[in-house]
Amino acid sequence: MTTHTRIRRTPWGDARFWIGVALVVLSVVGVWLIVNASRSTTPVLQADRTIITGEALSSSDFRVVEVSLGAAADAYLAPQDLTADQIATRALSEGELLSSAAVGDAADARTTTIVVESSVGLPARVAPGTVVELWQAPPLEEGFEEPRILVADVTVASLVEEEGMMAQDRPAVEIVIDRADVSAVLSAITGGAALSIVPMGSR
């Protein structure tokens, strides 16, 4: 009678065993890296108040917060990145993190401010930092032309408080505009156009 000896294969002699072990190890390492990255924070600047386009940036306008940004950390400014010759290239809301895209050199500034009087009352939502459109209605011999946009996408720097009866009828607003648009705005003012401040998205 012939007997056959059954050879028992050890698990470590099977390639599938080692592939399984490798996958488990990779999974554990991956989870560890993700958890470790989520615990890593970066000190960045956060606005303490609304900052207007073109305004000089100062460390006193920000507080330092620790935020987990991961790969996006380089897109935001740390305390040591802020220098004295930098300005805001767009409006920053209170509590917003300071991104490098919102910062520029003062020497390269293309904006200025100008005060305009609105021919109608200001919407309640208009405040410093609000992005608005400046509309004009050029004068006719009788009445005014159809209103149209004079300058789009400008920022309110401040609400100018005036005294007297005209303060209620024609509120004044200081706006931040591109220098290239100054001539058109001044021409509209001196030409007697009726000007209106319209918040973006309110049409």
C-alpha atoms as a PDB file:
ATOM      1  CA  MET A   1       0.000   0.000   0.000  1.00  0.00           C
ATOM      2  CA  THR A   2       1.427   3.270  -1.117  1.00  0.00           C
ATOM      3  CA  THR A   3       1.073   6.261   1.172  1.00  0.00           C
ATOM      4  CA  HIS A   4       1.464   9.860   0.080  1.00  0.00           C
ATOM      5  CA  THR A   5       3.007  12.340   2.429  1.00  0.00           C
ATOM      6  CA  ARG A   6       1.129  15.630   2.346  1.00  0.00           C
ATOM      7  CA  ILE A   7       3.467  18.602   2.318  1.00  0.00           C
ATOM      8  CA  ARG A   8       2.213  21.477   4.398  1.00  0.00           C
ATOM      9  CA  ARG A   9       3.021  24.879   2.924  1.00  0.00           C
ATOM     10  CA  THR A  10       4.054  27.575   5.341  1.00  0.00           C
ATOM     11  CA  PRO A  11       2.192  30.914   4.886  1.00  0.00           C
ATOM     12  CA  TRP A  12       5.414  32.893   4.618  1.00  0.00           C
ATOM     13  CA  GLY A  13       6.396  30.895   1.607  1.00  0.00           C
ATOM     14  CA  ASP A  14       3.387  32.227  -0.321  1.00  0.00           C
ATOM     15  CA  ALA A  15       3.870  35.494  -2.241  1.00  0.00           C
ATOM     16  CA  ARG A  16       0.247  36.407  -1.577  1.00  0.00           C
ATOM     17  CA  PHE A  17       0.970  36.422   2.146  1.00  0.00           C
ATOM     18  CA  TRP A  18       3.732  39.009   1.763  1.00  0.00           C
ATOM     19  CA  ILE A  19       1.619  41.126  -0.574  1.00  0.00           C
ATOM     20  CA  GLY A  20      -1.120  41.171   2.059  1.00  0.00           C
ATOM     21  CA  VAL A  21       1.360  42.161   4.766  1.00  0.00           C
ATOM     22  CA  ALA A  22       2.716  44.959   2.575  1.00  0.00           C
ATOM     23  CA  LEU A  23      -0.792  46.309   1.946  1.00  0.00           C
ATOM     24  CA  VAL A  24      -1.563  46.343   5.662  1.00  0.00           C
ATOM     25  CA  VAL A  25       1.683  48.173   6.424  1.00  0.00           C
ATOM     26  CA  LEU A  26       1.045  50.739   3.687  1.00  0.00           C
ATOM     27  CA  SER A  27      -2.487  51.292   4.977  1.00  0.00           C
ATOM     28  CA  VAL A  28      -1.257  51.874   8.531  1.00  0.00           C
ATOM     29  CA  VAL A  29       1.467  54.272   7.365  1.00  0.00           C
ATOM     30  CA  GLY A  30      -1.021  56.176   5.184  1.00  0.00           C
ATOM     31  CA  VAL A  31      -3.458  56.629   8.064  1.00  0.00           C
ATOM     32  CA  TRP A  32      -0.625  57.770  10.323  1.00  0.00           C
ATOM     33  CA  LEU A  33       0.516  60.363   7.784  1.00  0.00           C
ATOM     34  CA  ILE A  34      -3.026  61.710   7.353  1.00  0.00           C
ATOM     35  CA  VAL A  35      -3.596  61.986  11.105  1.00  0.00           C
ATOM     36  CA  ASN A  36      -0.196  63.576  11.632  1.00  0.00           C
ATOM     37  CA  ALA A  37      -0.834  66.137   8.872  1.00  0.00           C
ATOM     38  CA  SER A  38      -4.247  67.023  10.304  1.00  0.00           C
ATOM     39  CA  ARG A  39      -2.634  67.775  13.667  1.00  0.00           C
ATOM     40  CA  SER A  40      -0.037  70.068  12.095  1.00  0.00           C
ATOM     41  CA  THR A  41      -0.959  73.762  12.263  1.00  0.00           C
ATOM     42  CA  THR A  42       0.565  76.891  10.752  1.00  0.00           C
ATOM     43  CA  PRO A  43       0.579  80.417  12.248  1.00  0.00           C
ATOM     44  CA  VAL A  44      -1.121  82.823   9.808  1.00  0.00           C
ATOM     45  CA  LEU A  45      -2.558  86.343   9.948  1.00  0.00           C
ATOM     46  CA  GLN A  46      -6.289  86.922  10.396  1.00  0.00           C
ATOM     47  CA  ALA A  47      -7.903  90.331   9.874  1.00  0.00           C
ATOM     48  CA  ASP A  48      -9.168  92.012  13.045  1.00  0.00           C
ATOM     49  CA  ARG A  49     -11.345  94.419  11.041  1.00  0.00           C
ATOM     50  CA  THR A  50     -12.526  95.151   7.520  1.00  0.00           C
ATOM     51  CA  ILE A  51      -9.596  96.287   5.364  1.00  0.00           C
ATOM     52  CA  ILE A  52     -10.229  98.317   2.235  1.00  0.00           C
ATOM     53  CA  THR A  53      -8.629  97.835  -1.181  1.00  0.00           C
ATOM     54  CA  GLY A  54      -5.446  99.905  -1.421  1.00  0.00           C
ATOM     55  CA  GLU A  55      -5.103 100.314   2.351  1.00  0.00           C
ATOM     56  CA  ALA A  56      -1.635  99.948   3.888  1.00  0.00           C
ATOM     57  CA  LEU A  57      -1.303  96.735   5.876  1.00  0.00           C
ATOM     58  CA  SER A  58      -0.096  96.851   9.479  1.00  0.00           C
ATOM     59  CA  SER A  59       0.516  94.075  11.968  1.00  0.00           C
ATOM     60  CA  SER A  60      -1.865  95.881  14.355  1.00  0.00           C
ATOM     61  CA  ASP A  61      -4.734  95.093  11.964  1.00  0.00           C
ATOM     62  CA  PHE A  62      -4.231  91.339  12.355  1.00  0.00           C
ATOM     63  CA  ARG A  63      -4.044  88.636  14.955  1.00  0.00           C
ATOM     64  CA  VAL A  64      -2.052  85.422  14.690  1.00  0.00           C
ATOM     65  CA  VAL A  65      -4.058  82.190  14.551  1.00  0.00           C
ATOM     66  CA  GLU A  66      -2.961  78.579  14.300  1.00  0.00           C
ATOM     67  CA  VAL A  67      -4.732  76.891  11.387  1.00  0.00           C
ATOM     68  CA  SER A  68      -4.432  73.487   9.758  1.00  0.00           C
ATOM     69  CA  LEU A  69      -3.924  74.329   6.084  1.00  0.00           C
ATOM     70  CA  GLY A  70      -1.974  71.357   4.791  1.00  0.00           C
ATOM     71  CA  ALA A  71      -0.622  71.916   1.296  1.00  0.00           C
ATOM     72  CA  ALA A  72      -2.351  75.315   1.117  1.00  0.00           C
ATOM     73  CA  ALA A  73      -0.159  76.825   3.866  1.00  0.00           C
ATOM     74  CA  ASP A  74       2.061  78.640   1.358  1.00  0.00           C
ATOM     75  CA  ALA A  75      -0.952  80.561   0.019  1.00  0.00           C
ATOM     76  CA  TYR A  76      -1.323  82.534   3.274  1.00  0.00           C
ATOM     77  CA  LEU A  77       0.930  85.018   5.059  1.00  0.00           C
ATOM     78  CA  ALA A  78       2.631  84.218   8.338  1.00  0.00           C
ATOM     79  CA  PRO A  79       3.484  87.057  10.777  1.00  0.00           C
ATOM     80  CA  GLN A  80       7.057  87.317   9.491  1.00  0.00           C
ATOM     81  CA  ASP A  81       5.854  87.692   5.885  1.00  0.00           C
ATOM     82  CA  LEU A  82       4.168  91.075   6.422  1.00  0.00           C
ATOM     83  CA  THR A  83       6.310  94.099   5.542  1.00  0.00           C
ATOM     84  CA  ALA A  84       5.775  97.849   5.850  1.00  0.00           C
ATOM     85  CA  ASP A  85       5.394  98.529   2.116  1.00  0.00           C
ATOM     86  CA  GLN A  86       2.468  96.189   1.471  1.00  0.00           C
ATOM     87  CA  ILE A  87      -1.139  97.090   0.700  1.00  0.00           C
ATOM     88  CA  ALA A  88      -4.391  95.184   0.260  1.00  0.00           C
ATOM     89  CA  THR A  89      -5.157  94.522  -3.400  1.00  0.00           C
ATOM     90  CA  ARG A  90      -8.758  93.674  -2.539  1.00  0.00           C
ATOM     91  CA  ALA A  91     -11.098  94.165   0.397  1.00  0.00           C
ATOM     92  CA  LEU A  92     -10.598  91.836   3.365  1.00  0.00           C
ATOM     93  CA  SER A  93     -13.459  90.992   5.690  1.00  0.00           C
ATOM     94  CA  GLU A  94     -13.046  90.845   9.450  1.00  0.00           C
ATOM     95  CA  GLY A  95     -11.928  87.336  10.393  1.00  0.00           C
ATOM     96  CA  GLU A  96     -10.571  86.523   6.929  1.00  0.00           C
ATOM     97  CA  LEU A  97      -7.154  84.899   6.636  1.00  0.00           C
ATOM     98  CA  LEU A  98      -4.601  87.025   4.795  1.00  0.00           C
ATOM     99  CA  SER A  99      -3.760  85.313   1.519  1.00  0.00           C
ATOM    100  CA  SER A 100      -0.717  86.202  -0.555  1.00  0.00           C
ATOM    101  CA  ALA A 101      -3.061  86.935  -3.493  1.00  0.00           C
ATOM    102  CA  ALA A 102      -4.626  89.807  -1.527  1.00  0.00           C
ATOM    103  CA  VAL A 103      -1.300  91.576  -0.908  1.00  0.00           C
ATOM    104  CA  GLY A 104       0.717  93.835  -3.196  1.00  0.00           C
ATOM    105  CA  ASP A 105       3.462  96.458  -3.079  1.00  0.00           C
ATOM    106  CA  ALA A 106       2.477 100.053  -2.413  1.00  0.00           C
ATOM    107  CA  ALA A 107       4.685 101.198  -5.298  1.00  0.00           C
ATOM    108  CA  ASP A 108       2.535  99.197  -7.708  1.00  0.00           C
ATOM    109  CA  ALA A 109      -0.801 100.564  -6.486  1.00  0.00           C
ATOM    110  CA  ARG A 110      -3.179 101.431  -9.327  1.00  0.00           C
ATOM    111  CA  THR A 111      -6.024 102.677  -7.162  1.00  0.00           C
ATOM    112  CA  THR A 112      -6.999 105.926  -5.491  1.00  0.00           C
ATOM    113  CA  THR A 113     -10.018 107.248  -3.599  1.00  0.00           C
ATOM    114  CA  ILE A 114     -12.613 109.788  -4.620  1.00  0.00           C
ATOM    115  CA  VAL A 115     -15.734 111.136  -2.912  1.00  0.00           C
ATOM    116  CA  VAL A 116     -19.021 111.003  -4.787  1.00  0.00           C
ATOM    117  CA  GLU A 117     -22.500 112.113  -3.793  1.00  0.00           C
ATOM    118  CA  SER A 118     -25.376 109.761  -4.384  1.00  0.00           C
ATOM    119  CA  SER A 119     -28.475 111.329  -5.897  1.00  0.00           C
ATOM    120  CA  VAL A 120     -30.613 108.872  -3.977  1.00  0.00           C
ATOM    121  CA  GLY A 121     -30.367 107.361  -0.526  1.00  0.00           C
ATOM    122  CA  LEU A 122     -27.806 104.660   0.177  1.00  0.00           C
ATOM    123  CA  PRO A 123     -28.927 101.040   0.605  1.00  0.00           C
ATOM    124  CA  ALA A 124     -28.635  99.867   4.210  1.00  0.00           C
ATOM    125  CA  ARG A 125     -26.071  97.223   3.274  1.00  0.00           C
ATOM    126  CA  VAL A 126     -23.565  99.791   1.978  1.00  0.00           C
ATOM    127  CA  ALA A 127     -20.676 100.049   4.471  1.00  0.00           C
ATOM    128  CA  PRO A 128     -16.884 100.284   4.389  1.00  0.00           C
ATOM    129  CA  GLY A 129     -15.617  97.302   2.435  1.00  0.00           C
ATOM    130  CA  THR A 130     -18.800  96.839   0.382  1.00  0.00           C
ATOM    131  CA  VAL A 131     -18.160  96.204  -3.316  1.00  0.00           C
ATOM    132  CA  VAL A 132     -20.496  98.392  -5.382  1.00  0.00           C
ATOM    133  CA  GLU A 133     -21.247  99.706  -8.853  1.00  0.00           C
ATOM    134  CA  LEU A 134     -21.342 103.428  -9.590  1.00  0.00           C
ATOM    135  CA  TRP A 135     -24.258 104.267 -11.898  1.00  0.00           C
ATOM    136  CA  GLN A 136     -24.838 107.539 -13.732  1.00  0.00           C
ATOM    137  CA  ALA A 137     -27.765 109.201 -15.467  1.00  0.00           C
ATOM    138  CA  PRO A 138     -26.397 112.039 -17.673  1.00  0.00           C
ATOM    139  CA  PRO A 139     -28.511 115.201 -17.690  1.00  0.00           C
ATOM    140  CA  LEU A 140     -30.819 116.236 -20.516  1.00  0.00           C
ATOM    141  CA  GLU A 141     -32.468 119.600 -21.118  1.00  0.00           C
ATOM    142  CA  GLU A 142     -35.372 118.153 -19.200  1.00  0.00           C
ATOM    143  CA  GLY A 143     -34.641 115.291 -16.869  1.00  0.00           C
ATOM    144  CA  PHE A 144     -31.964 112.663 -17.238  1.00  0.00           C
ATOM    145  CA  GLU A 145     -30.927 109.910 -19.605  1.00  0.00           C
ATOM    146  CA  GLU A 146     -31.485 106.242 -18.829  1.00  0.00           C
ATOM    147  CA  PRO A 147     -29.173 105.199 -15.950  1.00  0.00           C
ATOM    148  CA  ARG A 148     -26.147 103.086 -16.879  1.00  0.00           C
ATOM    149  CA  ILE A 149     -23.052 101.760 -15.149  1.00  0.00           C
ATOM    150  CA  LEU A 150     -20.250 104.312 -14.947  1.00  0.00           C
ATOM    151  CA  VAL A 151     -17.713 102.208 -12.997  1.00  0.00           C
ATOM    152  CA  ALA A 152     -18.180  98.603 -11.911  1.00  0.00           C
ATOM    153  CA  ASP A 153     -16.568  96.708  -9.070  1.00  0.00           C
ATOM    154  CA  VAL A 154     -15.418  99.544  -6.806  1.00  0.00           C
ATOM    155  CA  THR A 155     -15.068  99.382  -3.029  1.00  0.00           C
ATOM    156  CA  VAL A 156     -16.563 101.706  -0.433  1.00  0.00           C
ATOM    157  CA  ALA A 157     -13.772 103.146   1.715  1.00  0.00           C
ATOM    158  CA  SER A 158     -15.973 105.168   4.064  1.00  0.00           C
ATOM    159  CA  LEU A 159     -19.302 106.906   4.428  1.00  0.00           C
ATOM    160  CA  VAL A 160     -18.706 110.650   4.530  1.00  0.00           C
ATOM    161  CA  GLU A 161     -20.743 112.357   7.224  1.00  0.00           C
ATOM    162  CA  GLU A 162     -21.870 115.830   6.220  1.00  0.00           C
ATOM    163  CA  GLU A 163     -23.819 118.446   8.100  1.00  0.00           C
ATOM    164  CA  GLY A 164     -26.875 120.356   6.930  1.00  0.00           C
ATOM    165  CA  MET A 165     -29.899 119.543   4.800  1.00  0.00           C
ATOM    166  CA  MET A 166     -27.855 118.150   1.895  1.00  0.00           C
ATOM    167  CA  ALA A 167     -26.474 115.414   4.122  1.00  0.00           C
ATOM    168  CA  GLN A 168     -29.866 113.688   4.111  1.00  0.00           C
ATOM    169  CA  ASP A 169     -30.697 114.232   0.436  1.00  0.00           C
ATOM    170  CA  ARG A 170     -27.301 113.502  -1.154  1.00  0.00           C
ATOM    171  CA  PRO A 171     -25.210 111.161   1.021  1.00  0.00           C
ATOM    172  CA  ALA A 172     -21.505 111.171   0.161  1.00  0.00           C
ATOM    173  CA  VAL A 173     -19.361 108.066  -0.147  1.00  0.00           C
ATOM    174  CA  GLU A 174     -15.603 107.688  -0.491  1.00  0.00           C
ATOM    175  CA  ILE A 175     -14.850 104.919  -2.981  1.00  0.00           C
ATOM    176  CA  VAL A 176     -11.682 103.158  -4.068  1.00  0.00           C
ATOM    177  CA  ILE A 177     -11.330 103.133  -7.855  1.00  0.00           C
ATOM    178  CA  ASP A 178      -8.735 102.431 -10.481  1.00  0.00           C
ATOM    179  CA  ARG A 179      -6.803 105.540 -11.478  1.00  0.00           C
ATOM    180  CA  ALA A 180      -7.833 104.937 -15.080  1.00  0.00           C
ATOM    181  CA  ASP A 181     -11.485 105.564 -14.097  1.00  0.00           C
ATOM    182  CA  VAL A 182     -10.925 108.880 -12.276  1.00  0.00           C
ATOM    183  CA  SER A 183     -11.376 111.023 -15.394  1.00  0.00           C
ATOM    184  CA  ALA A 184     -14.736 109.447 -16.261  1.00  0.00           C
ATOM    185  CA  VAL A 185     -16.050 109.875 -12.718  1.00  0.00           C
ATOM    186  CA  LEU A 186     -14.927 113.507 -12.452  1.00  0.00           C
ATOM    187  CA  SER A 187     -16.475 114.255 -15.848  1.00  0.00           C
ATOM    188  CA  ALA A 188     -19.775 112.787 -14.700  1.00  0.00           C
ATOM    189  CA  ILE A 189     -19.679 114.849 -11.494  1.00  0.00           C
ATOM    190  CA  THR A 190     -18.831 118.142 -13.192  1.00  0.00           C
ATOM    191  CA  GLY A 191     -21.327 117.384 -15.971  1.00  0.00           C
ATOM    192  CA  GLY A 192     -24.199 117.202 -13.492  1.00  0.00           C
ATOM    193  CA  ALA A 193     -24.955 113.492 -13.872  1.00  0.00           C
ATOM    194  CA  ALA A 194     -27.139 111.865 -11.250  1.00  0.00           C
ATOM    195  CA  LEU A 195     -24.970 109.252  -9.506  1.00  0.00           C
ATOM    196  CA  SER A 196     -26.129 106.196  -7.594  1.00  0.00           C
ATOM    197  CA  ILE A 197     -24.338 103.602  -5.470  1.00  0.00           C
ATOM    198  CA  VAL A 198     -25.577 100.061  -6.120  1.00  0.00           C
ATOM    199  CA  PRO A 199     -24.232  97.090  -4.119  1.00  0.00           C
ATOM    200  CA  MET A 200     -23.011  94.243  -6.314  1.00  0.00           C
ATOM    201  CA  GLY A 201     -25.636  91.573  -6.838  1.00  0.00           C
ATOM    202  CA  SER A 202     -28.546  93.774  -5.760  1.00  0.00           C
ATOM    203  CA  ARG A 203     -29.913  94.510  -9.244  1.00  0.00           C
END
